[in-house]
Amino acid sequence: MVLNYIWIAFFLIAFVIALVRLVFLGDTEVFPAIMNSTFDTAKTAFEISLGLTGMLALWLGVMKIGERGGVVNLLARVLSPVFTKLFPDIPKGHPATGSIFMNIAANMLGLDNAATPLGLKAMEQLQELNKEKTEERRRRSLLTDEQADRQLLTATNPMIMFLVLNTSGLTIIPVSIMAYRSQQGAAQPTDVFVPILLATFFATLAGIIITSLYQRINLLNRTMLLTLGGMSAAVAAIIWGFSRLDSVLMNTVSVSAASILLMTIIVGFILAAMRKRVNVYDSFIEGAKEGFTTAVRIIPYLVAILVAIGVFRASGAMDWLMGAIKWLVGLTGSNAEFVDALPTAIMKPLSGSGARGMMVDAMTQYGADSFVGRLSCIFQGSTDTTFYILAVYFGSVGIRYTRHAVAAGLLADLAGVVAAIAIAYMFFG
């Protein structure tokens, strides 16, 4: 329901602002711009789905090999002590645990092309679990047919926790951001590496805590405290290790590590399947077919959210919002330098490409080594495209009622933004 209200708000706000610009400012180009944006973003949504088809076919095919080879179940068993605390509604050793872990690992390495198919596979498994539990409750007469049908359209607690972990965008190796900084002539393209890692870590930690409060999950237990402590120690070790490398070597290590890991996963899955005498080729084809149907299924959801965002931007609503924020910050007498980088932060939950454009524009206008340029890069790396992820992941399994997913995701984004600002002032202010 929340997405319904947000979607309506995008259109109504855009219409009101466009009307004001036309009537009071004489801007006759605003409504044509809005309509052009609807056509352009609808086309973009289809192209994104089309582009995802190949990646979905590849990685869902690889995942099917891993399932048949027993690797996914092995991962589920290894991770069950932690995941049973964080995802208490997922049975111990369920295959969804392995898929969730692989998706998170791909996201941490900045491997978006691999992360999305793995995430969609995890959502499919979580929805299957939802169907099994709903059917069992229906058989025991604990749910009416109408309640059971609604439950199948409603996001479960594990789905929401999983999506918040995605939207908080924990990334260890922000290769693309460092590449853009290099293109923009930054003296040290990697100087935002540590700030991004810290900001995205705080966003993820906030997302886990916020969602746990919603779902009444107790994080104050030995397993979770050791896990979160271990994550903190690992982040500190990565920061220390990469801080000792120069920019060229850091980029080489980042790209090589990600590529080696991906190829190792593929070969490992194949060897495991061969050991179990599985027909590897047929397994891949079976999984790849699922990738095609999934890509087709998400098209309406992508069109809906991207068109609404495009209308909001084309109306000038984003520019008015930024102007209002800068004015309010100015009234407090605070340092408003960070406001010039906020378009990247505000755009990131709505559109990855839009936020990327804002980041590049900030570096072009203010300089790659300016405070604004660096902060916009930290914003870009500290969170993920919340509404895109919600549309694609929920859309792939037909979820209509998102419960607290939007609120938890946006609060995690807000935590990432606040952390990014504080860290930027600490490092570059």
Protein backbone atom coordinates (compact mmCIF):
# COMPACT_ATOMS: atom_id res chain seq x y z
CA MET A 1 0.00 0.00 0.00
CA VAL A 2 2.87 2.40 0.75
CA LEU A 3 4.19 2.11 -2.80
CA ASN A 4 0.68 2.92 -4.04
CA TYR A 5 0.62 6.21 -2.12
CA ILE A 6 4.18 7.11 -3.14
CA TRP A 7 3.41 6.38 -6.79
CA ILE A 8 0.29 8.60 -6.70
CA ALA A 9 2.23 11.35 -4.88
CA PHE A 10 4.90 11.46 -7.59
CA PHE A 11 2.27 12.22 -10.24
CA LEU A 12 0.17 14.66 -8.20
CA ILE A 13 3.18 16.67 -6.97
CA ALA A 14 4.60 16.75 -10.49
CA PHE A 15 1.27 17.98 -11.91
CA VAL A 16 0.86 20.75 -9.30
CA ILE A 17 4.42 22.04 -9.74
CA ALA A 18 4.16 21.91 -13.53
CA LEU A 19 0.87 23.84 -13.35
CA VAL A 20 2.49 26.51 -11.17
CA ARG A 21 5.40 26.80 -13.59
CA LEU A 22 3.02 27.15 -16.54
CA VAL A 23 0.53 29.61 -15.00
CA PHE A 24 2.80 31.79 -12.89
CA LEU A 25 6.19 31.48 -14.61
CA GLY A 26 5.03 31.12 -18.19
CA ASP A 27 7.00 27.90 -18.71
CA THR A 28 5.30 26.36 -21.74
CA GLU A 29 7.86 23.56 -22.06
CA VAL A 30 7.23 21.84 -18.73
CA PHE A 31 4.25 19.68 -19.75
CA PRO A 32 5.84 18.54 -23.03
CA ALA A 33 8.97 17.67 -21.00
CA ILE A 34 6.88 15.61 -18.56
CA MET A 35 5.14 13.69 -21.34
CA ASN A 36 8.45 13.07 -23.12
CA SER A 37 9.85 11.71 -19.88
CA THR A 38 7.01 9.16 -19.65
CA PHE A 39 7.88 7.78 -23.10
CA ASP A 40 11.64 7.84 -22.44
CA THR A 41 11.43 6.16 -19.02
CA ALA A 42 8.97 3.50 -20.24
CA LYS A 43 11.47 2.68 -22.99
CA THR A 44 14.30 2.67 -20.45
CA ALA A 45 12.37 0.27 -18.18
CA PHE A 46 11.92 -2.17 -21.06
CA GLU A 47 15.59 -1.86 -22.05
CA ILE A 48 16.66 -2.55 -18.46
CA SER A 49 14.48 -5.68 -18.38
CA LEU A 50 15.86 -6.74 -21.75
CA GLY A 51 19.40 -6.18 -20.51
CA LEU A 52 18.65 -8.19 -17.38
CA THR A 53 17.45 -11.17 -19.43
CA GLY A 54 20.94 -12.34 -20.36
CA MET A 55 22.31 -11.86 -16.84
CA LEU A 56 19.30 -13.57 -15.29
CA ALA A 57 19.59 -16.52 -17.67
CA LEU A 58 23.33 -16.85 -16.95
CA TRP A 59 23.24 -16.64 -13.16
CA LEU A 60 20.01 -18.54 -12.58
CA GLY A 61 21.52 -21.26 -14.79
CA VAL A 62 24.68 -21.24 -12.64
CA MET A 63 22.55 -21.29 -9.46
CA LYS A 64 20.64 -24.32 -10.74
CA ILE A 65 23.98 -26.12 -11.18
CA GLY A 66 24.91 -25.13 -7.62
CA GLU A 67 21.58 -26.44 -6.31
CA ARG A 68 21.93 -29.78 -8.08
CA GLY A 69 25.54 -30.03 -6.93
CA GLY A 70 24.57 -29.45 -3.31
CA VAL A 71 26.64 -26.26 -2.88
CA VAL A 72 23.67 -24.03 -2.03
CA ASN A 73 22.46 -26.49 0.62
CA LEU A 74 25.98 -26.67 2.05
CA LEU A 75 26.10 -22.87 2.35
CA ALA A 76 22.69 -22.91 4.01
CA ARG A 77 23.89 -25.39 6.64
CA VAL A 78 27.10 -23.45 7.34
CA LEU A 79 25.28 -20.12 7.72
CA SER A 80 22.25 -21.44 9.61
CA PRO A 81 23.50 -20.42 13.11
CA VAL A 82 23.57 -16.74 12.05
CA PHE A 83 20.66 -16.72 9.64
CA THR A 84 18.28 -18.47 12.05
CA LYS A 85 18.76 -15.45 14.34
CA LEU A 86 18.45 -12.80 11.63
CA PHE A 87 15.78 -14.68 9.62
CA PRO A 88 13.94 -16.68 12.31
CA ASP A 89 11.06 -17.54 9.95
CA ILE A 90 13.37 -19.39 7.53
CA PRO A 91 13.77 -23.08 8.52
CA LYS A 92 17.28 -24.16 9.43
CA GLY A 93 19.26 -25.25 6.37
CA HIS A 94 16.69 -23.94 3.84
CA PRO A 95 18.22 -23.29 0.35
CA ALA A 96 17.10 -19.64 0.49
CA THR A 97 19.87 -19.06 3.05
CA GLY A 98 22.56 -19.94 0.51
CA SER A 99 21.00 -17.72 -2.17
CA ILE A 100 20.72 -14.78 0.23
CA PHE A 101 24.38 -15.15 1.22
CA MET A 102 25.56 -15.27 -2.40
CA ASN A 103 23.50 -12.18 -3.26
CA ILE A 104 24.93 -10.22 -0.32
CA ALA A 105 28.48 -11.34 -1.20
CA ALA A 106 28.02 -10.19 -4.82
CA ASN A 107 26.66 -6.82 -3.64
CA MET A 108 29.61 -6.34 -1.28
CA LEU A 109 31.98 -6.81 -4.21
CA GLY A 110 30.03 -4.38 -6.40
CA LEU A 111 28.99 -7.17 -8.81
CA ASP A 112 25.52 -5.83 -9.67
CA ASN A 113 25.11 -8.04 -12.74
CA ALA A 114 25.51 -11.14 -10.59
CA ALA A 115 23.76 -9.80 -7.48
CA THR A 116 20.36 -9.11 -9.10
CA PRO A 117 19.78 -12.62 -10.51
CA LEU A 118 20.96 -14.17 -7.23
CA GLY A 119 18.62 -11.86 -5.30
CA LEU A 120 15.66 -12.73 -7.52
CA LYS A 121 16.40 -16.43 -6.96
CA ALA A 122 16.39 -15.82 -3.20
CA MET A 123 13.05 -13.99 -3.45
CA GLU A 124 11.57 -16.86 -5.44
CA GLN A 125 12.64 -19.32 -2.73
CA LEU A 126 11.25 -17.07 0.02
CA GLN A 127 7.93 -16.87 -1.82
CA GLU A 128 7.86 -20.66 -2.14
CA LEU A 129 8.36 -20.82 1.62
CA ASN A 130 5.50 -18.33 2.04
CA LYS A 131 3.25 -20.50 -0.14
CA GLU A 132 4.08 -23.64 1.86
CA LYS A 133 3.33 -21.97 5.20
CA THR A 134 0.15 -20.32 3.88
CA GLU A 135 -1.14 -23.59 2.44
CA GLU A 136 -0.42 -25.38 5.71
CA ARG A 137 -2.37 -22.75 7.68
CA ARG A 138 -5.22 -22.96 5.17
CA ARG A 139 -5.40 -26.75 5.56
CA ARG A 140 -5.56 -26.36 9.34
CA SER A 141 -8.40 -23.80 8.91
CA LEU A 142 -6.31 -21.04 10.48
CA LEU A 143 -6.82 -18.90 7.37
CA THR A 144 -9.84 -18.42 5.13
CA ASP A 145 -9.34 -18.66 1.38
CA GLU A 146 -9.49 -14.88 1.11
CA GLN A 147 -6.90 -14.40 3.88
CA ALA A 148 -4.63 -17.01 2.32
CA ASP A 149 -4.80 -15.30 -1.09
CA ARG A 150 -3.88 -11.96 0.50
CA GLN A 151 -1.01 -13.56 2.41
CA LEU A 152 0.52 -14.73 -0.89
CA LEU A 153 0.54 -11.09 -2.03
CA THR A 154 2.07 -9.80 1.22
CA ALA A 155 5.79 -9.39 1.97
CA THR A 156 7.02 -11.73 4.72
CA ASN A 157 9.52 -10.77 7.43
CA PRO A 158 12.44 -12.60 5.74
CA MET A 159 11.68 -10.86 2.43
CA ILE A 160 11.75 -7.45 4.08
CA MET A 161 14.97 -8.12 6.02
CA PHE A 162 16.59 -9.38 2.82
CA LEU A 163 15.49 -6.32 0.84
CA VAL A 164 16.71 -3.91 3.51
CA LEU A 165 20.12 -5.60 3.43
CA ASN A 166 20.08 -4.93 -0.33
CA THR A 167 18.87 -1.33 -0.16
CA SER A 168 21.45 -0.39 2.48
CA GLY A 169 24.00 -1.26 -0.19
CA LEU A 170 26.98 -2.66 1.76
CA THR A 171 29.86 -2.39 -0.73
CA ILE A 172 33.49 -3.25 -0.07
CA ILE A 173 34.91 -2.43 -3.50
CA PRO A 174 33.32 0.69 -5.16
CA VAL A 175 35.19 0.17 -8.44
CA SER A 176 32.84 2.22 -10.65
CA ILE A 177 32.94 5.29 -8.38
CA MET A 178 36.75 5.26 -8.33
CA ALA A 179 36.72 4.95 -12.12
CA TYR A 180 34.45 8.02 -12.48
CA ARG A 181 36.70 10.00 -10.13
CA SER A 182 39.70 9.08 -12.23
CA GLN A 183 37.91 10.20 -15.40
CA GLN A 184 37.06 13.52 -13.73
CA GLY A 185 40.72 14.17 -12.98
CA ALA A 186 40.82 13.46 -9.22
CA ALA A 187 44.35 13.68 -7.82
CA GLN A 188 43.67 10.54 -5.74
CA PRO A 189 40.62 8.68 -7.10
CA THR A 190 40.69 6.22 -4.19
CA ASP A 191 40.53 8.83 -1.41
CA VAL A 192 36.79 8.15 -0.96
CA PHE A 193 37.29 4.40 -0.51
CA VAL A 194 37.45 4.41 3.30
CA PRO A 195 34.62 6.98 3.74
CA ILE A 196 32.32 4.97 1.43
CA LEU A 197 33.09 1.74 3.27
CA LEU A 198 32.34 3.37 6.63
CA ALA A 199 29.12 5.05 5.44
CA THR A 200 27.73 1.93 3.77
CA PHE A 201 28.62 -0.15 6.84
CA PHE A 202 26.66 2.23 9.11
CA ALA A 203 23.72 2.17 6.68
CA THR A 204 23.66 -1.64 6.71
CA LEU A 205 23.98 -1.80 10.49
CA ALA A 206 21.13 0.73 10.85
CA GLY A 207 19.01 -1.27 8.39
CA ILE A 208 19.49 -4.47 10.42
CA ILE A 209 18.64 -2.73 13.70
CA ILE A 210 15.60 -0.88 12.30
CA THR A 211 14.14 -3.99 10.66
CA SER A 212 14.83 -6.06 13.78
CA LEU A 213 12.87 -3.54 15.85
CA TYR A 214 9.94 -3.79 13.42
CA GLN A 215 10.06 -7.59 13.49
CA ARG A 216 10.93 -7.90 17.20
CA ILE A 217 14.13 -9.82 16.50
CA ASN A 218 16.53 -9.99 19.45
CA LEU A 219 20.02 -9.00 18.28
CA LEU A 220 21.49 -9.08 21.80
CA ASN A 221 22.52 -12.70 21.68
CA ARG A 222 25.95 -14.29 21.51
CA THR A 223 25.69 -15.36 17.86
CA MET A 224 24.62 -11.97 16.48
CA LEU A 225 27.01 -9.98 18.68
CA LEU A 226 29.93 -12.14 17.51
CA THR A 227 28.78 -11.83 13.89
CA LEU A 228 28.39 -8.04 14.00
CA GLY A 229 31.68 -7.76 15.90
CA GLY A 230 33.36 -9.95 13.29
CA MET A 231 31.92 -7.80 10.50
CA SER A 232 33.28 -4.68 12.19
CA ALA A 233 36.71 -6.27 12.54
CA ALA A 234 36.65 -7.38 8.88
CA VAL A 235 35.73 -3.86 7.72
CA ALA A 236 38.58 -2.44 9.82
CA ALA A 237 41.02 -4.98 8.33
CA ILE A 238 39.92 -4.16 4.77
CA ILE A 239 40.28 -0.44 5.43
CA TRP A 240 43.77 -0.99 6.83
CA GLY A 241 44.84 -3.24 3.96
CA PHE A 242 43.56 -1.06 1.13
CA SER A 243 44.84 2.14 2.74
CA ARG A 244 48.38 0.79 2.23
CA LEU A 245 47.91 0.44 -1.55
CA ASP A 246 48.34 3.16 -4.15
CA SER A 247 45.41 4.01 -6.45
CA VAL A 248 46.58 1.89 -9.41
CA LEU A 249 47.26 -1.19 -7.29
CA MET A 250 44.00 -0.77 -5.36
CA ASN A 251 41.99 -0.71 -8.59
CA THR A 252 43.88 -3.75 -9.93
CA VAL A 253 43.34 -5.74 -6.72
CA SER A 254 39.64 -4.77 -6.57
CA VAL A 255 38.85 -5.79 -10.14
CA SER A 256 40.98 -8.95 -10.01
CA ALA A 257 39.56 -10.14 -6.68
CA ALA A 258 35.97 -9.75 -7.89
CA SER A 259 36.63 -11.51 -11.21
CA ILE A 260 38.59 -14.37 -9.61
CA LEU A 261 35.85 -14.91 -7.03
CA LEU A 262 33.12 -15.07 -9.69
CA MET A 263 35.02 -17.54 -11.85
CA THR A 264 35.85 -19.64 -8.78
CA ILE A 265 32.13 -19.82 -7.90
CA ILE A 266 31.20 -20.96 -11.41
CA VAL A 267 33.95 -23.62 -11.58
CA GLY A 268 33.23 -24.74 -8.02
CA PHE A 269 29.55 -25.26 -8.84
CA ILE A 270 30.43 -27.25 -11.97
CA LEU A 271 32.90 -29.50 -10.10
CA ALA A 272 30.37 -30.11 -7.30
CA ALA A 273 27.71 -31.07 -9.85
CA MET A 274 30.15 -33.38 -11.67
CA ARG A 275 30.95 -35.07 -8.35
CA LYS A 276 27.24 -35.86 -7.91
CA ARG A 277 27.01 -37.04 -11.55
CA VAL A 278 24.58 -34.24 -12.45
CA ASN A 279 24.02 -33.33 -16.11
CA VAL A 280 25.57 -29.86 -15.84
CA TYR A 281 24.48 -28.57 -19.24
CA ASP A 282 20.82 -29.57 -18.81
CA SER A 283 20.79 -28.06 -15.32
CA PHE A 284 22.11 -24.77 -16.67
CA ILE A 285 19.47 -24.68 -19.43
CA GLU A 286 16.69 -25.37 -16.94
CA GLY A 287 17.81 -22.50 -14.71
CA ALA A 288 18.36 -20.15 -17.65
CA LYS A 289 14.74 -20.64 -18.77
CA GLU A 290 13.63 -19.37 -15.35
CA GLY A 291 15.75 -16.26 -15.94
CA PHE A 292 13.85 -15.40 -19.12
CA THR A 293 10.41 -15.71 -17.52
CA THR A 294 11.53 -13.65 -14.51
CA ALA A 295 12.81 -10.83 -16.77
CA VAL A 296 9.43 -10.67 -18.54
CA ARG A 297 7.53 -10.71 -15.24
CA ILE A 298 9.26 -7.61 -13.81
CA ILE A 299 8.62 -5.33 -16.84
CA PRO A 300 5.28 -3.81 -15.61
CA TYR A 301 6.73 -3.05 -12.16
CA LEU A 302 9.80 -1.37 -13.64
CA VAL A 303 7.71 0.70 -16.06
CA ALA A 304 5.46 1.86 -13.21
CA ILE A 305 8.20 3.05 -10.87
CA LEU A 306 10.57 4.53 -13.48
CA VAL A 307 7.82 6.51 -15.23
CA ALA A 308 6.68 7.99 -11.90
CA ILE A 309 10.26 9.00 -11.05
CA GLY A 310 10.77 10.47 -14.53
CA VAL A 311 7.61 12.59 -14.22
CA PHE A 312 8.73 13.84 -10.79
CA ARG A 313 12.13 14.89 -12.13
CA ALA A 314 10.87 16.45 -15.38
CA SER A 315 8.36 18.64 -13.53
CA GLY A 316 11.16 20.40 -11.66
CA ALA A 317 10.00 19.02 -8.31
CA MET A 318 13.51 17.81 -7.50
CA ASP A 319 14.99 21.29 -8.10
CA TRP A 320 12.33 22.90 -5.89
CA LEU A 321 12.98 20.36 -3.15
CA MET A 322 16.71 21.09 -3.19
CA GLY A 323 16.09 24.83 -3.09
CA ALA A 324 13.80 24.43 -0.07
CA ILE A 325 16.36 22.32 1.80
CA LYS A 326 19.16 24.81 1.14
CA TRP A 327 16.94 27.68 2.34
CA LEU A 328 16.01 25.83 5.54
CA VAL A 329 19.62 24.94 6.31
CA GLY A 330 20.59 28.56 5.68
CA LEU A 331 18.03 29.73 8.27
CA THR A 332 19.79 27.67 10.96
CA GLY A 333 23.12 29.34 10.22
CA SER A 334 24.75 25.93 9.73
CA ASN A 335 27.37 25.06 7.13
CA ALA A 336 25.24 24.39 4.04
CA GLU A 337 28.08 23.20 1.81
CA PHE A 338 26.79 19.62 1.95
CA VAL A 339 23.46 20.66 0.38
CA ASP A 340 25.06 21.02 -3.07
CA ALA A 341 25.81 17.27 -2.97
CA LEU A 342 22.33 16.27 -1.75
CA PRO A 343 20.81 15.76 -5.23
CA THR A 344 22.88 12.56 -5.48
CA ALA A 345 21.61 11.37 -2.07
CA ILE A 346 17.96 12.16 -2.85
CA MET A 347 18.12 10.66 -6.33
CA LYS A 348 19.87 7.42 -5.27
CA PRO A 349 16.79 5.68 -3.77
CA LEU A 350 14.83 6.60 -6.92
CA SER A 351 17.25 5.97 -9.79
CA GLY A 352 20.78 4.57 -9.96
CA SER A 353 21.54 6.15 -13.32
CA GLY A 354 20.02 9.45 -12.19
CA ALA A 355 22.17 9.49 -9.05
CA ARG A 356 25.23 8.61 -11.12
CA GLY A 357 24.52 11.56 -13.38
CA MET A 358 24.13 13.84 -10.35
CA MET A 359 27.47 12.60 -8.98
CA VAL A 360 29.29 13.25 -12.26
CA ASP A 361 27.61 16.66 -12.56
CA ALA A 362 28.74 17.59 -9.03
CA MET A 363 32.35 16.63 -9.84
CA THR A 364 32.19 18.53 -13.13
CA GLN A 365 30.72 21.66 -11.57
CA TYR A 366 32.65 21.80 -8.29
CA GLY A 367 35.70 19.65 -9.06
CA ALA A 368 36.42 15.98 -8.31
CA ASP A 369 38.59 16.94 -5.31
CA SER A 370 36.14 19.49 -3.88
CA PHE A 371 34.13 18.75 -0.73
CA VAL A 372 30.91 18.57 -2.78
CA GLY A 373 32.49 16.31 -5.40
CA ARG A 374 33.81 13.88 -2.80
CA LEU A 375 30.58 13.89 -0.75
CA SER A 376 28.49 13.14 -3.84
CA CYS A 377 30.72 10.09 -4.44
CA ILE A 378 30.23 8.94 -0.84
CA PHE A 379 26.45 9.37 -1.23
CA GLN A 380 26.55 7.30 -4.42
CA GLY A 381 28.35 4.46 -2.65
CA SER A 382 26.64 4.54 0.74
CA THR A 383 23.13 3.34 -0.23
CA ASP A 384 21.32 1.62 -3.09
CA THR A 385 18.34 2.22 -5.38
CA THR A 386 15.59 1.43 -2.88
CA PHE A 387 12.53 1.84 -5.11
CA TYR A 388 14.13 0.01 -8.04
CA ILE A 389 15.01 -2.93 -5.77
CA LEU A 390 11.50 -2.98 -4.27
CA ALA A 391 9.90 -2.87 -7.72
CA VAL A 392 12.10 -5.58 -9.23
CA TYR A 393 12.32 -7.99 -6.29
CA PHE A 394 8.71 -7.76 -5.13
CA GLY A 395 7.46 -7.61 -8.71
CA SER A 396 9.29 -10.84 -9.59
CA VAL A 397 7.13 -12.79 -7.09
CA GLY A 398 3.91 -10.76 -7.34
CA ILE A 399 4.06 -9.06 -3.94
CA ARG A 400 1.61 -6.12 -3.65
CA TYR A 401 1.51 -5.42 0.09
CA THR A 402 4.99 -4.33 1.20
CA ARG A 403 4.26 -3.73 4.93
CA HIS A 404 7.24 -1.97 6.57
CA ALA A 405 9.70 -2.62 3.71
CA VAL A 406 9.61 0.95 2.32
CA ALA A 407 9.90 2.59 5.74
CA ALA A 408 12.77 0.36 6.85
CA GLY A 409 14.60 0.76 3.54
CA LEU A 410 14.29 4.55 3.51
CA LEU A 411 15.34 4.83 7.16
CA ALA A 412 18.46 2.78 6.35
CA ASP A 413 19.08 5.17 3.42
CA LEU A 414 18.69 8.14 5.75
CA ALA A 415 21.18 6.62 8.18
CA GLY A 416 23.62 6.20 5.29
CA VAL A 417 23.15 9.83 4.21
CA VAL A 418 23.67 11.19 7.74
CA ALA A 419 26.73 8.97 8.20
CA ALA A 420 28.10 10.07 4.81
CA ILE A 421 27.81 13.77 5.71
CA ALA A 422 29.46 13.29 9.12
CA ILE A 423 32.26 11.15 7.66
CA ALA A 424 32.85 13.58 4.77
CA TYR A 425 33.32 16.48 7.23
CA MET A 426 35.62 14.25 9.30
CA PHE A 427 37.84 13.34 6.32
CA PHE A 428 37.57 16.35 3.98
CA GLY A 429 35.85 19.18 5.87
